[in-house]
């Protein structure tokens, strides 16, 4: 009996999560903007990805028809490859 309740609750939770994710973004909602960039070392890749992130934020704001936006704290994560370092910067942007 308990197992049936757990299975039903899990199914309902999965459907609710899917419905929440598939809804289109409404005007005035926030978005996560990210940018990737390679470099020979971590400092170069990090700086380049942050510069690209700024450009992506400006592009997002222009597409939304906004003159100013609020930007949350940007985070940068880097991975070392065989030759290059790949850094990804992301930030939450709100109107």
N, C-alpha and C. Protein backbone atom coordinates (compact mmCIF):
# COMPACT_ATOMS: atom_id res chain seq x y z
N UNK A 1 0.83 -1.19 0.00
CA UNK A 1 0.00 0.00 0.00
C UNK A 1 0.87 1.25 0.00
N UNK A 2 1.87 1.27 0.88
CA UNK A 2 2.75 2.43 0.95
C UNK A 2 3.52 2.60 -0.36
N UNK A 3 3.91 1.45 -0.94
CA UNK A 3 4.65 1.50 -2.21
C UNK A 3 3.81 2.15 -3.31
N UNK A 4 2.53 1.83 -3.38
CA UNK A 4 1.64 2.42 -4.39
C UNK A 4 1.53 3.93 -4.19
N UNK A 5 1.45 4.36 -2.94
CA UNK A 5 1.35 5.79 -2.65
C UNK A 5 2.64 6.50 -3.06
N UNK A 6 3.79 5.89 -2.77
CA UNK A 6 5.07 6.49 -3.15
C UNK A 6 5.22 6.59 -4.66
N UNK A 7 4.80 5.55 -5.38
CA UNK A 7 4.88 5.56 -6.85
C UNK A 7 3.96 6.64 -7.40
N UNK A 8 2.77 6.76 -6.87
CA UNK A 8 1.82 7.78 -7.34
C UNK A 8 2.35 9.18 -7.03
N UNK A 9 2.91 9.37 -5.85
CA UNK A 9 3.45 10.69 -5.48
C UNK A 9 4.63 11.06 -6.36
N UNK A 10 5.48 10.08 -6.67
CA UNK A 10 6.63 10.34 -7.55
C UNK A 10 6.16 10.71 -8.95
N UNK A 11 5.15 10.02 -9.45
CA UNK A 11 4.62 10.32 -10.78
C UNK A 11 4.02 11.74 -10.83
N UNK A 12 3.29 12.10 -9.81
CA UNK A 12 2.69 13.44 -9.76
C UNK A 12 3.79 14.50 -9.67
N UNK A 13 4.82 14.25 -8.89
CA UNK A 13 5.92 15.21 -8.77
C UNK A 13 6.66 15.35 -10.09
N UNK A 14 6.86 14.26 -10.81
CA UNK A 14 7.54 14.32 -12.10
C UNK A 14 6.72 15.11 -13.11
N UNK A 15 5.43 14.90 -13.14
CA UNK A 15 4.56 15.64 -14.06
C UNK A 15 4.55 17.12 -13.71
N UNK A 16 4.49 17.45 -12.44
CA UNK A 16 4.51 18.86 -12.02
C UNK A 16 5.83 19.52 -12.37
N UNK A 17 6.93 18.82 -12.19
CA UNK A 17 8.24 19.38 -12.53
C UNK A 17 8.34 19.61 -14.04
N UNK A 18 7.86 18.66 -14.83
CA UNK A 18 7.90 18.81 -16.28
C UNK A 18 7.04 19.99 -16.73
N UNK A 19 5.86 20.13 -16.13
CA UNK A 19 4.96 21.24 -16.49
C UNK A 19 5.58 22.58 -16.13
N UNK A 20 6.28 22.65 -15.01
CA UNK A 20 6.89 23.91 -14.59
C UNK A 20 8.06 24.28 -15.49
N UNK A 21 8.81 23.31 -15.97
CA UNK A 21 9.98 23.58 -16.80
C UNK A 21 9.58 23.95 -18.23
N UNK A 22 8.51 23.35 -18.75
CA UNK A 22 8.14 23.57 -20.15
C UNK A 22 7.34 24.84 -20.39
N UNK A 23 6.97 25.55 -19.34
CA UNK A 23 6.22 26.78 -19.54
C UNK A 23 7.14 27.86 -20.11
N UNK A 24 6.66 28.65 -21.05
CA UNK A 24 7.50 29.70 -21.63
C UNK A 24 7.81 30.80 -20.61
N UNK A 25 8.92 31.46 -20.81
CA UNK A 25 9.30 32.56 -19.92
C UNK A 25 8.33 33.71 -20.11
N UNK A 26 7.87 34.26 -19.02
CA UNK A 26 6.95 35.37 -19.09
C UNK A 26 7.72 36.67 -18.98
N UNK A 27 7.11 37.73 -19.45
CA UNK A 27 7.76 39.04 -19.39
C UNK A 27 8.06 39.38 -17.94
N UNK A 28 9.25 39.89 -17.70
CA UNK A 28 9.63 40.26 -16.35
C UNK A 28 10.29 39.16 -15.57
N UNK A 29 10.51 38.02 -16.21
CA UNK A 29 11.14 36.91 -15.49
C UNK A 29 12.65 36.95 -15.68
N UNK A 30 13.35 36.27 -14.80
CA UNK A 30 14.82 36.23 -14.84
C UNK A 30 15.29 35.12 -15.76
N UNK A 31 16.55 35.21 -16.16
CA UNK A 31 17.14 34.18 -17.00
C UNK A 31 18.59 33.97 -16.58
N UNK A 32 19.10 32.78 -16.84
CA UNK A 32 20.51 32.49 -16.61
C UNK A 32 21.22 32.61 -17.95
N UNK A 33 22.22 33.47 -18.00
CA UNK A 33 22.99 33.69 -19.23
C UNK A 33 24.38 33.12 -18.99
N UNK A 34 24.89 32.39 -19.99
CA UNK A 34 26.22 31.81 -19.83
C UNK A 34 27.04 31.98 -21.11
N UNK A 35 28.35 31.88 -20.95
CA UNK A 35 29.27 32.00 -22.08
C UNK A 35 30.47 31.10 -21.84
N UNK A 36 30.96 30.46 -22.91
CA UNK A 36 32.14 29.60 -22.83
C UNK A 36 33.25 30.20 -23.65
N UNK A 37 34.48 29.95 -23.21
CA UNK A 37 35.61 30.45 -23.96
C UNK A 37 36.86 29.63 -23.66
N UNK A 38 37.64 29.28 -24.70
CA UNK A 38 38.90 28.57 -24.49
C UNK A 38 40.07 29.52 -24.34
N UNK A 39 41.16 29.02 -23.81
CA UNK A 39 42.38 29.82 -23.68
C UNK A 39 43.57 28.93 -23.39
N UNK A 40 44.76 29.48 -23.56
CA UNK A 40 45.96 28.70 -23.30
C UNK A 40 46.19 28.47 -21.81
N UNK A 41 45.76 29.43 -20.99
CA UNK A 41 45.85 29.25 -19.54
C UNK A 41 44.54 29.68 -18.91
N UNK A 42 44.41 29.41 -17.63
CA UNK A 42 43.14 29.67 -16.95
C UNK A 42 42.82 31.16 -16.88
N UNK A 43 43.80 31.99 -16.67
CA UNK A 43 43.56 33.44 -16.57
C UNK A 43 43.03 34.00 -17.88
N UNK A 44 43.62 33.59 -18.98
CA UNK A 44 43.17 34.08 -20.29
C UNK A 44 41.77 33.59 -20.62
N UNK A 45 41.52 32.31 -20.37
CA UNK A 45 40.20 31.75 -20.67
C UNK A 45 39.13 32.37 -19.78
N UNK A 46 39.45 32.59 -18.51
CA UNK A 46 38.49 33.17 -17.58
C UNK A 46 38.14 34.61 -17.98
N UNK A 47 39.15 35.40 -18.29
CA UNK A 47 38.90 36.78 -18.71
C UNK A 47 38.08 36.85 -19.98
N UNK A 48 38.39 35.96 -20.93
CA UNK A 48 37.67 35.94 -22.20
C UNK A 48 36.22 35.52 -22.00
N UNK A 49 35.98 34.53 -21.14
CA UNK A 49 34.61 34.08 -20.92
C UNK A 49 33.78 35.14 -20.18
N UNK A 50 34.41 35.89 -19.27
CA UNK A 50 33.68 36.96 -18.60
C UNK A 50 33.35 38.10 -19.57
N UNK A 51 34.25 38.37 -20.49
CA UNK A 51 33.98 39.40 -21.50
C UNK A 51 32.84 38.96 -22.41
N UNK A 52 32.84 37.68 -22.79
CA UNK A 52 31.74 37.16 -23.61
C UNK A 52 30.43 37.18 -22.85
N UNK A 53 30.49 36.89 -21.53
CA UNK A 53 29.28 36.91 -20.71
C UNK A 53 28.66 38.31 -20.71
N UNK A 54 29.48 39.33 -20.59
CA UNK A 54 28.97 40.70 -20.63
C UNK A 54 28.29 40.98 -21.97
N UNK A 55 28.89 40.52 -23.05
CA UNK A 55 28.29 40.71 -24.39
C UNK A 55 26.97 39.96 -24.49
N UNK A 56 26.90 38.74 -23.96
CA UNK A 56 25.66 37.97 -24.00
C UNK A 56 24.57 38.62 -23.17
N UNK A 57 24.95 39.19 -22.02
CA UNK A 57 23.96 39.89 -21.18
C UNK A 57 23.42 41.11 -21.92
N UNK A 58 24.29 41.87 -22.55
CA UNK A 58 23.85 43.04 -23.31
C UNK A 58 22.94 42.62 -24.47
N UNK A 59 23.27 41.53 -25.14
CA UNK A 59 22.45 41.03 -26.25
C UNK A 59 21.08 40.59 -25.73
N UNK A 60 21.05 39.89 -24.59
CA UNK A 60 19.80 39.44 -24.00
C UNK A 60 18.92 40.65 -23.65
N UNK A 61 19.52 41.66 -23.04
CA UNK A 61 18.76 42.85 -22.65
C UNK A 61 18.19 43.55 -23.88
N UNK A 62 18.99 43.62 -24.95
CA UNK A 62 18.53 44.27 -26.18
C UNK A 62 17.36 43.49 -26.79
N UNK A 63 17.45 42.16 -26.81
CA UNK A 63 16.37 41.33 -27.36
C UNK A 63 15.09 41.49 -26.56
N UNK A 64 15.21 41.71 -25.25
CA UNK A 64 14.05 41.88 -24.39
C UNK A 64 13.51 43.30 -24.43
N UNK A 65 14.24 44.21 -25.07
CA UNK A 65 13.82 45.61 -25.14
C UNK A 65 14.06 46.36 -23.83
N UNK A 66 15.09 45.97 -23.11
CA UNK A 66 15.37 46.58 -21.81
C UNK A 66 16.57 47.50 -21.90
N UNK A 67 16.52 48.60 -21.16
CA UNK A 67 17.66 49.52 -21.14
C UNK A 67 18.59 49.20 -19.98
N UNK A 68 18.04 48.71 -18.87
CA UNK A 68 18.87 48.33 -17.73
C UNK A 68 18.42 46.97 -17.23
N UNK A 69 19.35 46.21 -16.70
CA UNK A 69 19.05 44.91 -16.11
C UNK A 69 19.83 44.75 -14.82
N UNK A 70 19.33 43.89 -13.94
CA UNK A 70 20.06 43.55 -12.72
C UNK A 70 20.79 42.24 -12.97
N UNK A 71 22.07 42.22 -12.65
CA UNK A 71 22.88 41.04 -12.87
C UNK A 71 23.32 40.49 -11.52
N UNK A 72 23.08 39.20 -11.31
CA UNK A 72 23.52 38.54 -10.09
C UNK A 72 25.01 38.28 -10.14
N UNK A 73 25.53 37.70 -9.09
CA UNK A 73 26.96 37.40 -9.03
C UNK A 73 27.32 36.38 -10.10
N UNK A 74 28.32 36.70 -10.88
CA UNK A 74 28.76 35.79 -11.95
C UNK A 74 29.69 34.73 -11.38
N UNK A 75 29.54 33.51 -11.86
CA UNK A 75 30.44 32.43 -11.45
C UNK A 75 31.18 31.91 -12.67
N UNK A 76 32.42 31.48 -12.46
CA UNK A 76 33.24 30.96 -13.55
C UNK A 76 33.81 29.61 -13.13
N UNK A 77 33.66 28.63 -14.02
CA UNK A 77 34.22 27.30 -13.79
C UNK A 77 35.10 26.94 -14.98
N UNK A 78 36.29 26.42 -14.70
CA UNK A 78 37.24 26.08 -15.76
C UNK A 78 37.57 24.60 -15.74
N UNK A 79 37.79 24.05 -16.94
CA UNK A 79 38.21 22.65 -17.10
C UNK A 79 39.46 22.63 -17.95
N UNK A 80 40.41 21.83 -17.55
CA UNK A 80 41.62 21.69 -18.34
C UNK A 80 41.42 20.59 -19.37
N UNK A 81 41.75 20.90 -20.61
CA UNK A 81 41.72 19.90 -21.67
C UNK A 81 43.13 19.41 -21.94
N UNK A 82 43.33 18.80 -23.09
CA UNK A 82 44.66 18.31 -23.42
C UNK A 82 45.62 19.47 -23.69
N UNK A 83 45.15 20.50 -24.39
CA UNK A 83 45.99 21.65 -24.71
C UNK A 83 45.41 22.94 -24.14
N UNK A 84 44.10 23.13 -24.33
CA UNK A 84 43.45 24.37 -23.93
C UNK A 84 42.65 24.21 -22.63
N UNK A 85 42.40 25.34 -22.01
CA UNK A 85 41.53 25.40 -20.84
C UNK A 85 40.21 25.99 -21.30
N UNK A 86 39.08 25.38 -20.90
CA UNK A 86 37.76 25.86 -21.28
C UNK A 86 37.05 26.39 -20.04
N UNK A 87 36.72 27.67 -20.06
CA UNK A 87 36.03 28.29 -18.92
C UNK A 87 34.60 28.64 -19.30
N UNK A 88 33.70 28.45 -18.35
CA UNK A 88 32.29 28.79 -18.54
C UNK A 88 31.91 29.78 -17.45
N UNK A 89 31.40 30.93 -17.86
CA UNK A 89 30.92 31.94 -16.91
C UNK A 89 29.41 32.03 -17.05
N UNK A 90 28.72 32.19 -15.92
CA UNK A 90 27.27 32.32 -15.95
C UNK A 90 26.81 33.29 -14.87
N UNK A 91 25.66 33.91 -15.13
CA UNK A 91 25.08 34.85 -14.18
C UNK A 91 23.56 34.89 -14.36
N UNK A 92 22.87 35.20 -13.30
CA UNK A 92 21.41 35.37 -13.35
C UNK A 92 21.12 36.82 -13.69
N UNK A 93 20.25 37.02 -14.69
CA UNK A 93 19.93 38.36 -15.17
C UNK A 93 18.43 38.59 -15.03
N UNK A 94 18.05 39.70 -14.42
CA UNK A 94 16.64 40.05 -14.23
C UNK A 94 16.37 41.45 -14.76
N UNK A 95 15.16 41.68 -15.27
CA UNK A 95 14.80 43.02 -15.74
C UNK A 95 14.70 44.02 -14.59
